[in-house]
């Protein structure tokens, strides 16, 4: 008996070509894409096919910045499956901002920046920030210390503003070697404003706050007083404050002031803005 011809639209209906080959009942195998992991600061990661490995310190929509054990930063493009985390291949993505209960930001430093736990300090930049005295340096360290270490910025003492012009000249500012300077009492017609006006260099930025001393940049309620006392012009300000507050030991009182500060929210906005501006200036790419 002659066989019927195959339907023209189905030429193969017999034998092993009659149906898709399926040995395990699961259909054709499809390779699963690597899992997606948020490139959160502090994540241990390595770049596949390269010797780069370390801790994530930053991530934008195109690149992740990885700091190695020597404090050197490496940028890697965010590509599918380009990274290893915990021994497995992954795709890194930019993390979404997270908020802690109550609306406060989670994983933040005292300055409000994203914390980078476990990241080694970056190799120090050639650029510097100068502050007038020890108390200024200690307060900046208390609030912005984590940020400065991540950015590799060193804070040094100016020891007063009187020799500012000579200090700037001796530093030799230039692109990639910027100088940021924080001054007290930077208001119109003050000695500090006149000195600052004499600094004119594209790689030097002078900012400051209006308070006669860094103590007054701490909000008085944080220290437990209703307001900083008024001290007449001509009287040494710190000594006058201590007399009016009944403080016998100014050094111990400063430790109390410093210990009362836990974040930028405890400081007056002019100081916060001035320091943030300096950090941005000295970390700007050359």
C-alpha atoms as a PDB file:
ATOM      1  CA  UNK A   1       0.000   0.000   0.000  1.00  0.00           C
ATOM      2  CA  UNK A   2       1.539   3.296  -0.966  1.00  0.00           C
ATOM      3  CA  UNK A   3       2.359   5.740   1.875  1.00  0.00           C
ATOM      4  CA  UNK A   4       0.573   9.050   2.078  1.00  0.00           C
ATOM      5  CA  UNK A   5       2.771  12.021   1.296  1.00  0.00           C
ATOM      6  CA  UNK A   6       4.007  14.185   4.250  1.00  0.00           C
ATOM      7  CA  UNK A   7       2.064  17.369   4.869  1.00  0.00           C
ATOM      8  CA  UNK A   8       3.939  20.155   3.100  1.00  0.00           C
ATOM      9  CA  UNK A   9       4.311  22.241   6.297  1.00  0.00           C
ATOM     10  CA  UNK A  10       5.600  19.299   8.425  1.00  0.00           C
ATOM     11  CA  UNK A  11       8.245  17.462   6.399  1.00  0.00           C
ATOM     12  CA  UNK A  12       9.646  15.445   9.325  1.00  0.00           C
ATOM     13  CA  UNK A  13       7.142  13.318  11.240  1.00  0.00           C
ATOM     14  CA  UNK A  14       8.998  10.053  11.875  1.00  0.00           C
ATOM     15  CA  UNK A  15      11.934   8.735  13.868  1.00  0.00           C
ATOM     16  CA  UNK A  16      14.155  10.839  16.095  1.00  0.00           C
ATOM     17  CA  UNK A  17      13.249  13.999  14.200  1.00  0.00           C
ATOM     18  CA  UNK A  18       9.541  13.607  14.864  1.00  0.00           C
ATOM     19  CA  UNK A  19       9.678  15.605  18.176  1.00  0.00           C
ATOM     20  CA  UNK A  20      12.253  17.733  20.040  1.00  0.00           C
ATOM     21  CA  UNK A  21      14.916  15.637  21.711  1.00  0.00           C
ATOM     22  CA  UNK A  22      14.354  15.624  25.476  1.00  0.00           C
ATOM     23  CA  UNK A  23      16.495  13.251  27.482  1.00  0.00           C
ATOM     24  CA  UNK A  24      15.609  14.401  30.983  1.00  0.00           C
ATOM     25  CA  UNK A  25      12.108  15.736  30.527  1.00  0.00           C
ATOM     26  CA  UNK A  26      13.167  19.342  31.211  1.00  0.00           C
ATOM     27  CA  UNK A  27      13.185  20.700  27.688  1.00  0.00           C
ATOM     28  CA  UNK A  28      16.103  22.576  26.188  1.00  0.00           C
ATOM     29  CA  UNK A  29      18.551  23.887  28.776  1.00  0.00           C
ATOM     30  CA  UNK A  30      18.951  27.639  29.147  1.00  0.00           C
ATOM     31  CA  UNK A  31      21.957  29.070  30.976  1.00  0.00           C
ATOM     32  CA  UNK A  32      20.816  31.138  33.928  1.00  0.00           C
ATOM     33  CA  UNK A  33      22.131  34.707  34.106  1.00  0.00           C
ATOM     34  CA  UNK A  34      24.412  35.561  37.065  1.00  0.00           C
ATOM     35  CA  UNK A  35      22.593  36.813  40.143  1.00  0.00           C
ATOM     36  CA  UNK A  36      22.336  40.574  40.616  1.00  0.00           C
ATOM     37  CA  UNK A  37      24.025  42.079  43.683  1.00  0.00           C
ATOM     38  CA  UNK A  38      23.861  45.694  44.857  1.00  0.00           C
ATOM     39  CA  UNK A  39      27.316  47.310  44.898  1.00  0.00           C
ATOM     40  CA  UNK A  40      26.907  48.641  48.422  1.00  0.00           C
ATOM     41  CA  UNK A  41      29.863  50.377  50.132  1.00  0.00           C
ATOM     42  CA  UNK A  42      31.922  47.830  52.046  1.00  0.00           C
ATOM     43  CA  UNK A  43      31.127  44.876  49.760  1.00  0.00           C
ATOM     44  CA  UNK A  44      34.107  42.570  49.119  1.00  0.00           C
ATOM     45  CA  UNK A  45      34.379  42.064  45.376  1.00  0.00           C
ATOM     46  CA  UNK A  46      36.825  41.096  42.630  1.00  0.00           C
ATOM     47  CA  UNK A  47      36.784  41.914  38.927  1.00  0.00           C
ATOM     48  CA  UNK A  48      36.775  38.715  36.877  1.00  0.00           C
ATOM     49  CA  UNK A  49      39.756  38.237  34.590  1.00  0.00           C
ATOM     50  CA  UNK A  50      41.812  40.902  36.392  1.00  0.00           C
ATOM     51  CA  UNK A  51      43.863  41.078  39.610  1.00  0.00           C
ATOM     52  CA  UNK A  52      41.605  43.830  40.975  1.00  0.00           C
ATOM     53  CA  UNK A  53      39.868  42.973  44.226  1.00  0.00           C
ATOM     54  CA  UNK A  54      38.936  44.885  47.328  1.00  0.00           C
ATOM     55  CA  UNK A  55      36.077  46.792  48.899  1.00  0.00           C
ATOM     56  CA  UNK A  56      33.407  48.828  47.125  1.00  0.00           C
ATOM     57  CA  UNK A  57      33.656  52.503  48.103  1.00  0.00           C
ATOM     58  CA  UNK A  58      31.371  54.087  45.499  1.00  0.00           C
ATOM     59  CA  UNK A  59      29.093  53.232  42.616  1.00  0.00           C
ATOM     60  CA  UNK A  60      27.314  55.256  39.973  1.00  0.00           C
ATOM     61  CA  UNK A  61      25.146  54.216  37.048  1.00  0.00           C
ATOM     62  CA  UNK A  62      28.125  53.135  34.924  1.00  0.00           C
ATOM     63  CA  UNK A  63      31.120  52.367  37.165  1.00  0.00           C
ATOM     64  CA  UNK A  64      31.959  50.846  40.540  1.00  0.00           C
ATOM     65  CA  UNK A  65      35.001  52.066  42.496  1.00  0.00           C
ATOM     66  CA  UNK A  66      36.915  49.339  44.308  1.00  0.00           C
ATOM     67  CA  UNK A  67      39.612  50.073  46.898  1.00  0.00           C
ATOM     68  CA  UNK A  68      42.324  47.432  47.211  1.00  0.00           C
ATOM     69  CA  UNK A  69      44.230  46.477  50.374  1.00  0.00           C
ATOM     70  CA  UNK A  70      46.902  49.075  49.600  1.00  0.00           C
ATOM     71  CA  UNK A  71      44.390  51.954  49.528  1.00  0.00           C
ATOM     72  CA  UNK A  72      44.433  52.336  45.736  1.00  0.00           C
ATOM     73  CA  UNK A  73      41.153  52.948  43.916  1.00  0.00           C
ATOM     74  CA  UNK A  74      40.180  51.106  40.722  1.00  0.00           C
ATOM     75  CA  UNK A  75      37.159  51.862  38.542  1.00  0.00           C
ATOM     76  CA  UNK A  76      35.387  49.022  36.753  1.00  0.00           C
ATOM     77  CA  UNK A  77      32.480  49.299  34.336  1.00  0.00           C
ATOM     78  CA  UNK A  78      29.230  47.673  35.422  1.00  0.00           C
ATOM     79  CA  UNK A  79      28.903  44.761  32.993  1.00  0.00           C
ATOM     80  CA  UNK A  80      26.775  41.640  33.278  1.00  0.00           C
ATOM     81  CA  UNK A  81      28.620  38.874  35.094  1.00  0.00           C
ATOM     82  CA  UNK A  82      31.853  40.869  35.341  1.00  0.00           C
ATOM     83  CA  UNK A  83      32.430  40.380  39.079  1.00  0.00           C
ATOM     84  CA  UNK A  84      32.874  37.744  41.767  1.00  0.00           C
ATOM     85  CA  UNK A  85      31.334  38.069  45.218  1.00  0.00           C
ATOM     86  CA  UNK A  86      31.801  35.306  47.766  1.00  0.00           C
ATOM     87  CA  UNK A  87      33.295  33.017  45.140  1.00  0.00           C
ATOM     88  CA  UNK A  88      30.398  33.243  42.679  1.00  0.00           C
ATOM     89  CA  UNK A  89      29.944  35.178  39.475  1.00  0.00           C
ATOM     90  CA  UNK A  90      27.557  38.111  39.801  1.00  0.00           C
ATOM     91  CA  UNK A  91      26.306  41.232  38.083  1.00  0.00           C
ATOM     92  CA  UNK A  92      26.764  44.374  40.165  1.00  0.00           C
ATOM     93  CA  UNK A  93      24.200  47.151  40.065  1.00  0.00           C
ATOM     94  CA  UNK A  94      23.978  50.565  41.633  1.00  0.00           C
ATOM     95  CA  UNK A  95      22.370  50.206  45.092  1.00  0.00           C
ATOM     96  CA  UNK A  96      19.137  51.923  45.933  1.00  0.00           C
ATOM     97  CA  UNK A  97      19.197  54.443  48.799  1.00  0.00           C
ATOM     98  CA  UNK A  98      18.123  52.817  52.031  1.00  0.00           C
ATOM     99  CA  UNK A  99      16.480  54.442  55.017  1.00  0.00           C
ATOM    100  CA  UNK A 100      16.537  53.278  58.607  1.00  0.00           C
ATOM    101  CA  UNK A 101      13.409  53.098  60.756  1.00  0.00           C
ATOM    102  CA  UNK A 102      12.098  56.555  61.570  1.00  0.00           C
ATOM    103  CA  UNK A 103      13.353  58.074  58.343  1.00  0.00           C
ATOM    104  CA  UNK A 104      17.017  58.427  59.332  1.00  0.00           C
ATOM    105  CA  UNK A 105      19.481  57.272  56.696  1.00  0.00           C
ATOM    106  CA  UNK A 106      21.067  53.883  57.357  1.00  0.00           C
ATOM    107  CA  UNK A 107      24.803  53.246  57.231  1.00  0.00           C
ATOM    108  CA  UNK A 108      25.793  56.909  57.476  1.00  0.00           C
ATOM    109  CA  UNK A 109      28.865  58.599  58.863  1.00  0.00           C
ATOM    110  CA  UNK A 110      28.728  61.498  61.333  1.00  0.00           C
ATOM    111  CA  UNK A 111      28.804  63.867  58.352  1.00  0.00           C
ATOM    112  CA  UNK A 112      25.754  62.188  56.781  1.00  0.00           C
ATOM    113  CA  UNK A 113      27.713  60.462  54.019  1.00  0.00           C
ATOM    114  CA  UNK A 114      27.303  56.772  53.122  1.00  0.00           C
ATOM    115  CA  UNK A 115      29.511  54.714  55.440  1.00  0.00           C
ATOM    116  CA  UNK A 116      32.109  52.391  53.888  1.00  0.00           C
ATOM    117  CA  UNK A 117      32.804  49.789  56.590  1.00  0.00           C
ATOM    118  CA  UNK A 118      36.088  47.911  56.309  1.00  0.00           C
ATOM    119  CA  UNK A 119      37.524  50.053  53.530  1.00  0.00           C
ATOM    120  CA  UNK A 120      41.217  50.866  53.943  1.00  0.00           C
ATOM    121  CA  UNK A 121      42.177  54.526  54.030  1.00  0.00           C
ATOM    122  CA  UNK A 122      42.998  55.882  50.611  1.00  0.00           C
ATOM    123  CA  UNK A 123      46.579  56.850  49.865  1.00  0.00           C
ATOM    124  CA  UNK A 124      46.883  60.506  50.865  1.00  0.00           C
ATOM    125  CA  UNK A 125      46.300  63.045  48.139  1.00  0.00           C
ATOM    126  CA  UNK A 126      48.739  65.839  47.450  1.00  0.00           C
ATOM    127  CA  UNK A 127      45.914  68.277  48.217  1.00  0.00           C
ATOM    128  CA  UNK A 128      45.390  69.421  51.808  1.00  0.00           C
ATOM    129  CA  UNK A 129      42.930  71.179  54.089  1.00  0.00           C
ATOM    130  CA  UNK A 130      44.309  73.670  56.610  1.00  0.00           C
ATOM    131  CA  UNK A 131      42.498  74.718  59.796  1.00  0.00           C
ATOM    132  CA  UNK A 132      43.474  77.388  62.300  1.00  0.00           C
ATOM    133  CA  UNK A 133      44.048  75.362  65.464  1.00  0.00           C
ATOM    134  CA  UNK A 134      43.918  72.065  67.339  1.00  0.00           C
ATOM    135  CA  UNK A 135      40.271  72.434  68.351  1.00  0.00           C
ATOM    136  CA  UNK A 136      39.263  73.063  64.742  1.00  0.00           C
ATOM    137  CA  UNK A 137      41.159  69.942  63.655  1.00  0.00           C
ATOM    138  CA  UNK A 138      39.618  67.798  66.395  1.00  0.00           C
ATOM    139  CA  UNK A 139      36.082  68.891  65.530  1.00  0.00           C
ATOM    140  CA  UNK A 140      36.616  68.306  61.802  1.00  0.00           C
ATOM    141  CA  UNK A 141      38.026  64.856  62.597  1.00  0.00           C
ATOM    142  CA  UNK A 142      35.076  64.037  64.871  1.00  0.00           C
ATOM    143  CA  UNK A 143      32.475  64.751  62.188  1.00  0.00           C
ATOM    144  CA  UNK A 144      34.260  64.299  58.852  1.00  0.00           C
ATOM    145  CA  UNK A 145      37.109  61.921  59.765  1.00  0.00           C
ATOM    146  CA  UNK A 146      35.606  58.867  58.037  1.00  0.00           C
ATOM    147  CA  UNK A 147      34.978  60.851  54.846  1.00  0.00           C
ATOM    148  CA  UNK A 148      38.488  62.304  54.850  1.00  0.00           C
ATOM    149  CA  UNK A 149      40.108  58.874  55.195  1.00  0.00           C
ATOM    150  CA  UNK A 150      37.984  57.447  52.400  1.00  0.00           C
ATOM    151  CA  UNK A 151      38.951  60.393  50.185  1.00  0.00           C
ATOM    152  CA  UNK A 152      42.616  60.422  51.251  1.00  0.00           C
ATOM    153  CA  UNK A 153      42.517  64.030  52.490  1.00  0.00           C
ATOM    154  CA  UNK A 154      44.912  65.166  55.220  1.00  0.00           C
ATOM    155  CA  UNK A 155      44.014  68.028  57.566  1.00  0.00           C
ATOM    156  CA  UNK A 156      46.902  70.133  58.856  1.00  0.00           C
ATOM    157  CA  UNK A 157      47.218  73.037  61.289  1.00  0.00           C
ATOM    158  CA  UNK A 158      47.636  76.563  60.047  1.00  0.00           C
ATOM    159  CA  UNK A 159      48.424  77.848  63.567  1.00  0.00           C
ATOM    160  CA  UNK A 160      46.582  81.108  62.994  1.00  0.00           C
ATOM    161  CA  UNK A 161      45.765  83.069  59.877  1.00  0.00           C
ATOM    162  CA  UNK A 162      48.438  85.770  60.149  1.00  0.00           C
ATOM    163  CA  UNK A 163      50.971  83.878  58.010  1.00  0.00           C
ATOM    164  CA  UNK A 164      48.451  82.594  55.479  1.00  0.00           C
ATOM    165  CA  UNK A 165      50.043  84.165  52.406  1.00  0.00           C
ATOM    166  CA  UNK A 166      53.458  82.646  53.214  1.00  0.00           C
ATOM    167  CA  UNK A 167      51.893  79.242  53.874  1.00  0.00           C
ATOM    168  CA  UNK A 168      50.102  79.257  50.518  1.00  0.00           C
ATOM    169  CA  UNK A 169      53.247  80.304  48.693  1.00  0.00           C
ATOM    170  CA  UNK A 170      55.291  77.601  50.429  1.00  0.00           C
ATOM    171  CA  UNK A 171      52.710  74.901  49.666  1.00  0.00           C
ATOM    172  CA  UNK A 172      52.948  75.525  45.934  1.00  0.00           C
ATOM    173  CA  UNK A 173      49.337  74.874  44.858  1.00  0.00           C
ATOM    174  CA  UNK A 174      48.688  73.651  41.325  1.00  0.00           C
ATOM    175  CA  UNK A 175      46.254  71.307  39.551  1.00  0.00           C
ATOM    176  CA  UNK A 176      46.189  68.023  41.470  1.00  0.00           C
ATOM    177  CA  UNK A 177      47.727  69.770  44.510  1.00  0.00           C
ATOM    178  CA  UNK A 178      44.933  71.937  45.811  1.00  0.00           C
ATOM    179  CA  UNK A 179      44.731  73.753  49.105  1.00  0.00           C
ATOM    180  CA  UNK A 180      41.553  74.330  51.123  1.00  0.00           C
ATOM    181  CA  UNK A 181      41.645  76.690  54.102  1.00  0.00           C
ATOM    182  CA  UNK A 182      39.078  76.982  56.908  1.00  0.00           C
ATOM    183  CA  UNK A 183      39.101  80.246  58.870  1.00  0.00           C
ATOM    184  CA  UNK A 184      37.272  81.361  61.996  1.00  0.00           C
ATOM    185  CA  UNK A 185      35.410  84.681  62.090  1.00  0.00           C
ATOM    186  CA  UNK A 186      35.286  85.127  58.322  1.00  0.00           C
ATOM    187  CA  UNK A 187      32.974  88.137  58.264  1.00  0.00           C
ATOM    188  CA  UNK A 188      33.115  91.548  56.597  1.00  0.00           C
ATOM    189  CA  UNK A 189      35.860  93.845  57.867  1.00  0.00           C
ATOM    190  CA  UNK A 190      37.431  91.177  60.112  1.00  0.00           C
ATOM    191  CA  UNK A 191      41.169  90.549  60.126  1.00  0.00           C
ATOM    192  CA  UNK A 192      40.540  87.100  58.688  1.00  0.00           C
ATOM    193  CA  UNK A 193      38.515  88.436  55.758  1.00  0.00           C
ATOM    194  CA  UNK A 194      41.252  90.931  54.895  1.00  0.00           C
ATOM    195  CA  UNK A 195      43.887  88.191  54.971  1.00  0.00           C
ATOM    196  CA  UNK A 196      41.715  85.867  52.877  1.00  0.00           C
ATOM    197  CA  UNK A 197      41.217  88.616  50.289  1.00  0.00           C
ATOM    198  CA  UNK A 198      44.956  88.536  49.655  1.00  0.00           C
ATOM    199  CA  UNK A 199      44.814  84.917  48.469  1.00  0.00           C
ATOM    200  CA  UNK A 200      44.066  84.753  44.764  1.00  0.00           C
ATOM    201  CA  UNK A 201      44.897  81.386  43.201  1.00  0.00           C
ATOM    202  CA  UNK A 202      42.699  79.015  41.159  1.00  0.00           C
ATOM    203  CA  UNK A 203      43.878  76.008  43.193  1.00  0.00           C
ATOM    204  CA  UNK A 204      43.286  77.582  46.606  1.00  0.00           C
ATOM    205  CA  UNK A 205      39.888  77.979  48.274  1.00  0.00           C
ATOM    206  CA  UNK A 206      39.395  79.915  51.517  1.00  0.00           C
ATOM    207  CA  UNK A 207      36.114  79.367  53.345  1.00  0.00           C
ATOM    208  CA  UNK A 208      35.091  79.925  56.919  1.00  0.00           C
ATOM    209  CA  UNK A 209      32.356  80.490  59.456  1.00  0.00           C
ATOM    210  CA  UNK A 210      31.212  83.700  61.156  1.00  0.00           C
ATOM    211  CA  UNK A 211      31.910  82.573  64.720  1.00  0.00           C
ATOM    212  CA  UNK A 212      34.822  84.130  66.586  1.00  0.00           C
ATOM    213  CA  UNK A 213      35.912  80.650  67.713  1.00  0.00           C
ATOM    214  CA  UNK A 214      35.157  77.086  66.669  1.00  0.00           C
ATOM    215  CA  UNK A 215      33.510  76.461  70.059  1.00  0.00           C
ATOM    216  CA  UNK A 216      30.598  78.658  69.041  1.00  0.00           C
ATOM    217  CA  UNK A 217      30.042  76.587  65.891  1.00  0.00           C
ATOM    218  CA  UNK A 218      28.666  73.870  68.182  1.00  0.00           C
ATOM    219  CA  UNK A 219      24.981  74.424  68.867  1.00  0.00           C
ATOM    220  CA  UNK A 220      24.629  75.594  72.487  1.00  0.00           C
ATOM    221  CA  UNK A 221      21.769  73.206  73.303  1.00  0.00           C
ATOM    222  CA  UNK A 222      24.119  70.310  72.489  1.00  0.00           C
ATOM    223  CA  UNK A 223      26.491  71.553  75.192  1.00  0.00           C
ATOM    224  CA  UNK A 224      23.616  72.048  77.621  1.00  0.00           C
ATOM    225  CA  UNK A 225      23.517  75.840  77.656  1.00  0.00           C
ATOM    226  CA  UNK A 226      20.791  78.163  76.327  1.00  0.00           C
ATOM    227  CA  UNK A 227      23.260  80.285  74.351  1.00  0.00           C
ATOM    228  CA  UNK A 228      26.931  81.121  74.084  1.00  0.00           C
ATOM    229  CA  UNK A 229      27.636  84.103  76.383  1.00  0.00           C
ATOM    230  CA  UNK A 230      28.289  87.523  74.924  1.00  0.00           C
ATOM    231  CA  UNK A 231      31.912  88.501  75.441  1.00  0.00           C
ATOM    232  CA  UNK A 232      32.852  92.171  74.937  1.00  0.00           C
ATOM    233  CA  UNK A 233      35.245  92.996  72.123  1.00  0.00           C
ATOM    234  CA  UNK A 234      38.805  93.115  73.402  1.00  0.00           C
ATOM    235  CA  UNK A 235      38.309  90.360  75.974  1.00  0.00           C
ATOM    236  CA  UNK A 236      39.770  86.942  75.142  1.00  0.00           C
ATOM    237  CA  UNK A 237      36.694  85.041  73.993  1.00  0.00           C
ATOM    238  CA  UNK A 238      37.301  81.566  75.436  1.00  0.00           C
ATOM    239  CA  UNK A 239      38.389  82.934  78.812  1.00  0.00           C
ATOM    240  CA  UNK A 240      35.345  85.202  78.861  1.00  0.00           C
ATOM    241  CA  UNK A 241      33.002  82.338  78.020  1.00  0.00           C
ATOM    242  CA  UNK A 242      34.459  80.173  80.758  1.00  0.00           C
ATOM    243  CA  UNK A 243      34.152  82.952  83.345  1.00  0.00           C
ATOM    244  CA  UNK A 244      30.529  83.563  82.477  1.00  0.00           C
ATOM    245  CA  UNK A 245      29.715  79.850  82.559  1.00  0.00           C
ATOM    246  CA  UNK A 246      31.619  79.228  85.786  1.00  0.00           C
ATOM    247  CA  UNK A 247      34.111  76.905  84.094  1.00  0.00           C
ATOM    248  CA  UNK A 248      37.483  76.533  85.836  1.00  0.00           C
ATOM    249  CA  UNK A 249      39.315  74.385  83.276  1.00  0.00           C
ATOM    250  CA  UNK A 250      38.925  75.429  79.606  1.00  0.00           C
ATOM    251  CA  UNK A 251      40.703  72.295  78.366  1.00  0.00           C
ATOM    252  CA  UNK A 252      38.305  70.020  80.207  1.00  0.00           C
ATOM    253  CA  UNK A 253      35.372  72.119  78.999  1.00  0.00           C
ATOM    254  CA  UNK A 254      36.522  71.682  75.380  1.00  0.00           C
ATOM    255  CA  UNK A 255      36.591  67.921  75.862  1.00  0.00           C
ATOM    256  CA  UNK A 256      33.018  68.192  77.124  1.00  0.00           C
ATOM    257  CA  UNK A 257      32.031  70.244  74.060  1.00  0.00           C
ATOM    258  CA  UNK A 258      33.716  67.836  71.669  1.00  0.00           C
ATOM    259  CA  UNK A 259      32.211  64.813  73.403  1.00  0.00           C
ATOM    260  CA  UNK A 260      28.719  66.281  73.031  1.00  0.00           C
ATOM    261  CA  UNK A 261      29.011  66.337  69.226  1.00  0.00           C
ATOM    262  CA  UNK A 262      27.824  63.168  67.511  1.00  0.00           C
ATOM    263  CA  UNK A 263      27.080  64.360  63.976  1.00  0.00           C
ATOM    264  CA  UNK A 264      26.911  67.338  61.650  1.00  0.00           C
ATOM    265  CA  UNK A 265      23.410  68.036  63.006  1.00  0.00           C
ATOM    266  CA  UNK A 266      25.046  69.239  66.239  1.00  0.00           C
ATOM    267  CA  UNK A 267      26.937  71.972  64.370  1.00  0.00           C
ATOM    268  CA  UNK A 268      25.817  75.314  63.010  1.00  0.00           C
ATOM    269  CA  UNK A 269      25.058  75.225  59.249  1.00  0.00           C
ATOM    270  CA  UNK A 270      27.737  77.788  58.248  1.00  0.00           C
ATOM    271  CA  UNK A 271      30.513  75.524  59.523  1.00  0.00           C
ATOM    272  CA  UNK A 272      28.998  72.427  57.909  1.00  0.00           C
ATOM    273  CA  UNK A 273      28.696  74.161  54.564  1.00  0.00           C
ATOM    274  CA  UNK A 274      32.235  75.529  54.714  1.00  0.00           C
ATOM    275  CA  UNK A 275      33.843  72.155  55.440  1.00  0.00           C
ATOM    276  CA  UNK A 276      31.767  70.329  52.816  1.00  0.00           C
ATOM    277  CA  UNK A 277      32.778  72.935  50.247  1.00  0.00           C
ATOM    278  CA  UNK A 278      36.467  72.438  51.058  1.00  0.00           C
ATOM    279  CA  UNK A 279      36.248  68.648  50.817  1.00  0.00           C
ATOM    280  CA  UNK A 280      34.550  68.910  47.421  1.00  0.00           C
ATOM    281  CA  UNK A 281      37.188  71.376  46.244  1.00  0.00           C
ATOM    282  CA  UNK A 282      40.277  69.362  47.184  1.00  0.00           C
ATOM    283  CA  UNK A 283      38.831  66.057  45.913  1.00  0.00           C
ATOM    284  CA  UNK A 284      37.702  67.415  42.543  1.00  0.00           C
ATOM    285  CA  UNK A 285      39.478  65.543  39.702  1.00  0.00           C
ATOM    286  CA  UNK A 286      42.419  67.474  38.290  1.00  0.00           C
END
